[in-house]
Each structure stands twice: as structure tokens, then as C-alpha cells.
Amino acid sequence: MAEATSPSSAFAIAVAQFAPGADAAANRAEIARLAELAASRGAGLVVFPEYSSYFTPEAGEEWLEASEPVGGPFTQALTVLADRLGVHLVAGMIERLEGERRVANTVVAVAPGAGVVARYRKLHLYDAFGQRESDWVAPGDIGAPELFEAGGLRFGLQTCYDARFPEVTRRIVDAGADVVCMPAEWVRGPLKEAHWRLLATARALENTMYVAAADHAPPIGAGNSMIVDPMGVELATIGEATDVAIAWVSRERIDAVRRINPALELRRFGVSPR
């Protein structure tokens, strides 16, 4: 576990890395254990991976059976945990869609005392590198990014393969986000770990914002969950282990970086849907 030094006025956030499986109760228990660990180290927000509620290496009918609505057992457990620990939780889940033979790859943010405060359905499905996520997962509709506040900062959500599309994060920062939470199940493979580290860093650097990227632990995921600051500095990271990594994020750091590098003000292009 890597841990950055706390500045005087900052908010501690964590990325939690583990390998979710097909036992939903075991996944929830591991989330509780890691959230408790992060909270004990001072974190006020913890980001968990994509598919934290349920995961198998190959999607199929069992994903439909394991899916649940937002407000179901998974988010209920997150709500109870957030209330007990007094921390915000962000995690990926398999969401049931009414009248659809596919599920949604959804991220939810849960706040203590408030329940679900933001959600995001993955926009770009992983139909690449020999995979076909769209066979069993429906893409999310393009809408205004949902943000939530914690520690005096605004947080946005996106997922895994979306990191390869810079306009996704750009829309989130344009909506007013200071930090993007990026749950992932970044599949291992030739050069994939390098892609993961490069893309997470680029999304932070080009948008002068923080990125908190939480991946599955190996052997299927690439690991290397990390928190990157607005200058592209990797503040905290996890290698291949199941663990949490904590860093402090602050408005002062964002403002200082944007004074030196006012790239968001200087750009001459916007983002619009295709």
C-alpha cells in the first residue's frame, strides 16, 4: 500500500483493489473489509473496481441472473456500509434492465446518510482485443454527467474502456468535476498494463484533474490501481496485491496546476456526441 503525505487542507481518498467473483456475498464482505481498512487510514471516499457486485471471466446467462436493480442488495449493502463508516463509496455493479436481455455495466456512488447520489452506465463497451462485452451488456445513454460532492470537491464517474476515449473525461471536467472515479476490470495482456497506466495518467494530465482508478487484482485484471494528480503525478498505487492505496486531494493543488497549465481555458474545441 502506497500512501501520499497529507497537505494541511485536503481530503483523503482511496482506491481499493480486489478480484470480485461469482459469490456476491463474498464480494460484499471483501468490500466491507477493504472499506474499513481505508477508513481506518483516514479515507473519506473509497473507489472499488468495475463489476464489484459479481464477475466471471466470460459473460453469459448467469450475468442476467446475478444482475439487480440500483437499490437492490448490492447498493443496500453499500449504503449500510457508508453510513456505518461515514465514508463515500464508489463501485461497479451489474444492473438489471427491465425488458432487456442484456445488463448495464453501472457505477454507483453512495454517500453516508444519503444513499445513492450518482450513477453512471458505461458508454463504450469492450468490443476489442478479442472481447465482445456488447453481447451481454447494453451501452449507457449519453446524458449530462452526474456529479456528487465530498470533502469540498466534485466527483464524476466513468468506467474502464471509457479511458481510451478522452472526450468522456473531458465532458466530466466540463460539467465541473475535480476528480474522476474510474472503476475498471482492465484485462491483462500484451502491453495492456502500459496502456492502463498511460491512459489513467493522460486523463488526469490533459484535464488538470485527479483520477482515482481502481482495477481488479490479477490474475485476470492488470492491477496497478492508482491515484493520479492534475500534473500527472502518480500519488499512490497498488501493484498486484489486494489492498487499498490512499492519497490526499485538494482544491489548492488543482488551482495551482491550472495557473501554470491553463489548458482547459486555452483549448479551441468542444465535445459533442456523434
Protein backbone atom coordinates (compact mmCIF):
# COMPACT_ATOMS: atom_id res chain seq x y z
CA MET A 1 0.00 0.00 0.00
CA ALA A 2 1.36 3.39 -1.03
CA GLU A 3 0.30 6.48 0.89
CA ALA A 4 0.90 10.11 -0.03
CA THR A 5 1.66 12.81 2.52
CA SER A 6 -1.31 14.88 3.66
CA PRO A 7 -1.30 18.63 2.99
CA SER A 8 -2.92 20.95 5.52
CA SER A 9 -6.33 21.28 3.83
CA ALA A 10 -7.09 18.17 1.84
CA PHE A 11 -9.43 15.21 1.55
CA ALA A 12 -8.18 11.63 1.69
CA ILE A 13 -9.44 9.26 -1.00
CA ALA A 14 -8.59 5.62 -1.61
CA VAL A 15 -8.61 3.09 -4.41
CA ALA A 16 -9.41 -0.47 -3.34
CA GLN A 17 -8.15 -3.37 -5.45
CA PHE A 18 -9.56 -6.89 -5.29
CA ALA A 19 -10.76 -9.62 -7.65
CA PRO A 20 -14.57 -9.94 -7.50
CA GLY A 21 -16.02 -13.35 -8.27
CA ALA A 22 -19.31 -15.16 -8.68
CA ASP A 23 -20.10 -15.20 -4.94
CA ALA A 24 -21.99 -11.94 -4.37
CA ALA A 25 -21.93 -12.27 -0.58
CA ALA A 26 -18.16 -12.82 -0.59
CA ASN A 27 -17.73 -9.74 -2.80
CA ARG A 28 -19.73 -7.62 -0.38
CA ALA A 29 -17.71 -8.95 2.56
CA GLU A 30 -14.43 -8.07 0.84
CA ILE A 31 -15.72 -4.59 0.01
CA ALA A 32 -16.59 -4.11 3.68
CA ARG A 33 -13.14 -5.29 4.79
CA LEU A 34 -11.29 -3.01 2.40
CA ALA A 35 -13.56 -0.03 3.12
CA GLU A 36 -12.93 -0.47 6.85
CA LEU A 37 -9.19 -0.62 6.19
CA ALA A 38 -9.29 2.54 4.06
CA ALA A 39 -11.44 4.38 6.61
CA SER A 40 -9.10 3.40 9.43
CA ARG A 41 -6.29 5.07 7.47
CA GLY A 42 -8.28 8.28 7.10
CA ALA A 43 -10.02 7.92 3.73
CA GLY A 44 -13.28 9.79 3.26
CA LEU A 45 -14.03 8.17 -0.11
CA VAL A 46 -13.16 4.72 -1.46
CA VAL A 47 -13.29 3.67 -5.13
CA PHE A 48 -13.79 -0.03 -5.91
CA PRO A 49 -13.44 -1.82 -9.27
CA GLU A 50 -15.87 -2.35 -12.11
CA TYR A 51 -18.13 -5.41 -11.66
CA SER A 52 -17.59 -5.39 -7.88
CA SER A 53 -21.02 -6.94 -7.30
CA TYR A 54 -20.44 -10.01 -9.48
CA PHE A 55 -17.91 -11.16 -12.06
CA THR A 56 -16.99 -14.19 -14.12
CA PRO A 57 -14.33 -14.17 -16.86
CA GLU A 58 -16.91 -14.95 -19.54
CA ALA A 59 -20.30 -13.21 -19.61
CA GLY A 60 -23.42 -15.33 -20.11
CA GLU A 61 -26.89 -16.12 -18.85
CA GLU A 62 -25.60 -16.17 -15.28
CA TRP A 63 -24.94 -12.44 -15.55
CA LEU A 64 -28.63 -11.86 -16.17
CA GLU A 65 -29.46 -13.96 -13.13
CA ALA A 66 -26.90 -12.13 -10.96
CA SER A 67 -27.99 -8.65 -12.06
CA GLU A 68 -30.01 -6.46 -9.74
CA PRO A 69 -31.56 -3.01 -9.83
CA VAL A 70 -29.94 0.03 -8.29
CA GLY A 71 -31.50 -0.11 -4.85
CA GLY A 72 -31.11 -3.89 -4.67
CA PRO A 73 -28.98 -5.91 -2.23
CA PHE A 74 -25.65 -4.58 -3.51
CA THR A 75 -26.42 -0.90 -3.18
CA GLN A 76 -28.29 -1.54 0.06
CA ALA A 77 -25.13 -3.12 1.48
CA LEU A 78 -23.04 -0.17 0.25
CA THR A 79 -25.48 2.26 1.88
CA VAL A 80 -25.32 0.49 5.25
CA LEU A 81 -21.50 0.39 5.00
CA ALA A 82 -21.21 4.07 4.04
CA ASP A 83 -23.48 5.07 6.91
CA ARG A 84 -21.54 2.95 9.41
CA LEU A 85 -18.09 4.17 8.35
CA GLY A 86 -19.06 7.73 7.43
CA VAL A 87 -17.35 7.47 4.02
CA HIS A 88 -18.40 7.78 0.39
CA LEU A 89 -18.22 4.57 -1.66
CA VAL A 90 -17.96 4.18 -5.43
CA ALA A 91 -18.28 0.74 -7.01
CA GLY A 92 -19.23 -1.03 -10.22
CA MET A 93 -22.20 -3.39 -10.42
CA ILE A 94 -24.22 -5.44 -12.90
CA GLU A 95 -27.54 -3.61 -13.19
CA ARG A 96 -30.77 -5.30 -14.28
CA LEU A 97 -32.59 -3.57 -17.13
CA GLU A 98 -36.32 -4.08 -17.47
CA GLY A 99 -37.37 -5.56 -20.82
CA GLU A 100 -33.75 -6.06 -21.92
CA ARG A 101 -31.83 -9.31 -22.46
CA ARG A 102 -28.65 -7.52 -21.57
CA VAL A 103 -27.45 -5.89 -18.36
CA ALA A 104 -25.95 -2.47 -17.73
CA ASN A 105 -22.38 -2.04 -16.56
CA THR A 106 -23.14 0.54 -13.90
CA VAL A 107 -21.12 2.53 -11.35
CA VAL A 108 -22.86 3.91 -8.28
CA ALA A 109 -21.68 6.48 -5.76
CA VAL A 110 -23.11 6.18 -2.24
CA ALA A 111 -22.85 8.91 0.39
CA PRO A 112 -23.22 8.48 4.16
CA GLY A 113 -26.72 9.43 5.19
CA ALA A 114 -27.89 9.94 1.60
CA GLY A 115 -27.71 6.61 -0.24
CA VAL A 116 -27.03 6.63 -3.98
CA VAL A 117 -26.02 10.15 -5.05
CA ALA A 118 -24.75 9.48 -8.59
CA ARG A 119 -24.71 6.67 -11.14
CA TYR A 120 -23.07 6.02 -14.48
CA ARG A 121 -23.68 3.40 -17.15
CA LYS A 122 -20.60 2.52 -19.19
CA LEU A 123 -20.73 4.26 -22.57
CA HIS A 124 -18.05 2.44 -24.56
CA LEU A 125 -18.28 -1.34 -24.36
CA TYR A 126 -15.22 -3.56 -24.56
CA ASP A 127 -15.59 -4.92 -28.08
CA ALA A 128 -11.83 -5.00 -28.56
CA PHE A 129 -8.79 -7.20 -28.02
CA GLY A 130 -10.88 -10.26 -28.86
CA GLN A 131 -13.67 -9.47 -26.37
CA ARG A 132 -17.40 -8.77 -27.01
CA GLU A 133 -18.86 -7.07 -23.96
CA SER A 134 -21.82 -5.81 -26.01
CA ASP A 135 -23.15 -9.37 -26.41
CA TRP A 136 -24.34 -9.23 -22.80
CA VAL A 137 -24.07 -5.56 -21.81
CA ALA A 138 -26.10 -2.64 -23.15
CA PRO A 139 -24.32 0.72 -23.56
CA GLY A 140 -25.41 3.62 -21.41
CA ASP A 141 -27.30 6.56 -22.88
CA ILE A 142 -25.33 9.77 -23.38
CA GLY A 143 -26.55 12.30 -20.85
CA ALA A 144 -25.28 15.02 -18.57
CA PRO A 145 -22.58 13.66 -16.24
CA GLU A 146 -23.82 13.06 -12.70
CA LEU A 147 -21.55 14.64 -10.09
CA PHE A 148 -21.51 14.46 -6.32
CA GLU A 149 -19.63 16.40 -3.65
CA ALA A 150 -17.32 15.14 -0.94
CA GLY A 151 -14.61 16.88 1.03
CA GLY A 152 -15.31 20.18 -0.71
CA LEU A 153 -14.60 18.71 -4.16
CA ARG A 154 -16.81 17.49 -7.01
CA PHE A 155 -16.51 13.92 -8.23
CA GLY A 156 -17.54 12.35 -11.54
CA LEU A 157 -17.78 8.74 -12.74
CA GLN A 158 -16.59 6.73 -15.72
CA THR A 159 -15.60 3.13 -16.38
CA CYS A 160 -12.62 1.13 -17.68
CA TYR A 161 -12.64 1.08 -21.52
CA ASP A 162 -14.05 4.64 -21.48
CA ALA A 163 -10.49 5.70 -20.57
CA ARG A 164 -9.50 5.12 -24.21
CA PHE A 165 -11.91 7.88 -25.27
CA PRO A 166 -10.60 11.23 -23.96
CA GLU A 167 -13.84 13.03 -24.73
CA VAL A 168 -15.58 11.07 -21.94
CA THR A 169 -13.39 12.59 -19.24
CA ARG A 170 -13.42 15.97 -20.96
CA ARG A 171 -17.23 16.10 -20.69
CA ILE A 172 -16.96 15.24 -16.99
CA VAL A 173 -14.46 18.01 -16.27
CA ASP A 174 -16.58 20.44 -18.32
CA ALA A 175 -19.52 19.56 -16.06
CA GLY A 176 -17.45 20.78 -13.11
CA ALA A 177 -15.70 17.69 -11.75
CA ASP A 178 -12.42 17.97 -9.86
CA VAL A 179 -11.87 14.22 -9.56
CA VAL A 180 -12.96 11.36 -11.79
CA CYS A 181 -13.52 7.95 -10.21
CA MET A 182 -12.66 5.20 -12.70
CA PRO A 183 -13.63 1.64 -11.68
CA ALA A 184 -12.15 -0.89 -14.10
CA GLU A 185 -11.67 -4.53 -14.98
CA TRP A 186 -8.65 -3.92 -17.19
CA VAL A 187 -7.89 -7.31 -18.71
CA ARG A 188 -4.25 -8.36 -18.70
CA GLY A 189 -2.41 -8.93 -21.97
CA PRO A 190 0.50 -7.74 -24.10
CA LEU A 191 1.10 -4.04 -23.40
CA LYS A 192 -2.21 -3.77 -21.51
CA GLU A 193 -0.63 -2.74 -18.20
CA ALA A 194 1.29 0.01 -20.00
CA HIS A 195 -1.93 1.19 -21.68
CA TRP A 196 -3.73 1.32 -18.33
CA ARG A 197 -1.06 3.39 -16.62
CA LEU A 198 -0.61 5.70 -19.59
CA LEU A 199 -4.32 6.35 -20.16
CA ALA A 200 -5.16 6.98 -16.50
CA THR A 201 -2.25 9.43 -16.29
CA ALA A 202 -3.19 11.15 -19.56
CA ARG A 203 -6.80 11.66 -18.49
CA ALA A 204 -5.57 13.40 -15.31
CA LEU A 205 -2.88 15.47 -17.00
CA GLU A 206 -4.86 16.72 -20.01
CA ASN A 207 -7.83 17.71 -17.83
CA THR A 208 -5.76 19.04 -14.91
CA MET A 209 -7.84 16.97 -12.50
CA TYR A 210 -7.38 13.98 -10.21
CA VAL A 211 -8.08 10.43 -11.42
CA ALA A 212 -8.80 7.61 -8.96
CA ALA A 213 -8.59 4.39 -10.98
CA ALA A 214 -9.46 1.09 -9.27
CA ASP A 215 -8.81 -2.17 -11.13
CA HIS A 216 -9.29 -5.88 -10.45
CA ALA A 217 -6.35 -7.66 -8.87
CA PRO A 218 -4.64 -10.31 -11.05
CA PRO A 219 -4.74 -12.93 -12.46
CA ILE A 220 -7.47 -11.59 -14.79
CA GLY A 221 -7.14 -7.89 -14.09
CA ALA A 222 -3.96 -5.91 -14.65
CA GLY A 223 -3.96 -4.48 -11.13
CA ASN A 224 -1.98 -1.26 -10.70
CA SER A 225 -4.87 0.72 -9.22
CA MET A 226 -3.71 4.30 -8.77
CA ILE A 227 -4.49 7.89 -7.84
CA VAL A 228 -3.03 10.48 -10.23
CA ASP A 229 -2.88 14.22 -9.60
CA PRO A 230 -3.60 17.11 -12.03
CA MET A 231 0.05 17.31 -13.09
CA GLY A 232 0.13 13.60 -13.96
CA VAL A 233 1.94 12.63 -10.78
CA GLU A 234 1.11 9.13 -9.53
CA LEU A 235 0.42 9.84 -5.86
CA ALA A 236 -0.39 6.32 -4.73
CA THR A 237 -0.58 2.92 -6.36
CA ILE A 238 -1.10 -0.79 -5.76
CA GLY A 239 0.81 -3.38 -7.75
CA GLU A 240 -0.70 -6.87 -7.99
CA ALA A 241 -1.96 -7.19 -4.41
CA THR A 242 -5.41 -6.99 -2.89
CA ASP A 243 -5.12 -3.79 -0.87
CA VAL A 244 -6.00 -0.12 -0.63
CA ALA A 245 -3.92 2.93 -1.58
CA ILE A 246 -4.61 6.39 -0.17
CA ALA A 247 -3.75 9.92 -1.28
CA TRP A 248 -4.87 13.42 -0.34
CA VAL A 249 -6.58 15.59 -2.94
CA SER A 250 -7.08 19.32 -2.65
CA ARG A 251 -8.56 22.35 -4.34
CA GLU A 252 -5.26 24.17 -3.78
CA ARG A 253 -3.36 21.65 -5.92
CA ILE A 254 -5.90 21.85 -8.75
CA ASP A 255 -5.84 25.64 -8.73
CA ALA A 256 -2.04 25.77 -8.64
CA VAL A 257 -1.71 23.39 -11.58
CA ARG A 258 -4.31 25.28 -13.63
CA ARG A 259 -2.47 28.55 -13.07
CA ILE A 260 0.69 27.00 -14.50
CA ASN A 261 -1.07 24.97 -17.19
CA PRO A 262 -4.36 26.68 -18.20
CA ALA A 263 -5.00 24.09 -20.92
CA LEU A 264 -8.75 23.94 -20.28
CA GLU A 265 -9.04 27.69 -20.88
CA LEU A 266 -6.77 27.72 -23.91
CA ARG A 267 -8.41 24.91 -25.89
CA ARG A 268 -10.35 25.77 -29.05
CA PHE A 269 -12.52 22.65 -29.40
CA GLY A 270 -15.53 21.31 -27.55
CA VAL A 271 -17.06 17.83 -27.34
CA SER A 272 -20.33 16.78 -28.94
CA PRO A 273 -21.96 13.35 -29.34
CA ARG A 274 -21.74 11.54 -32.68
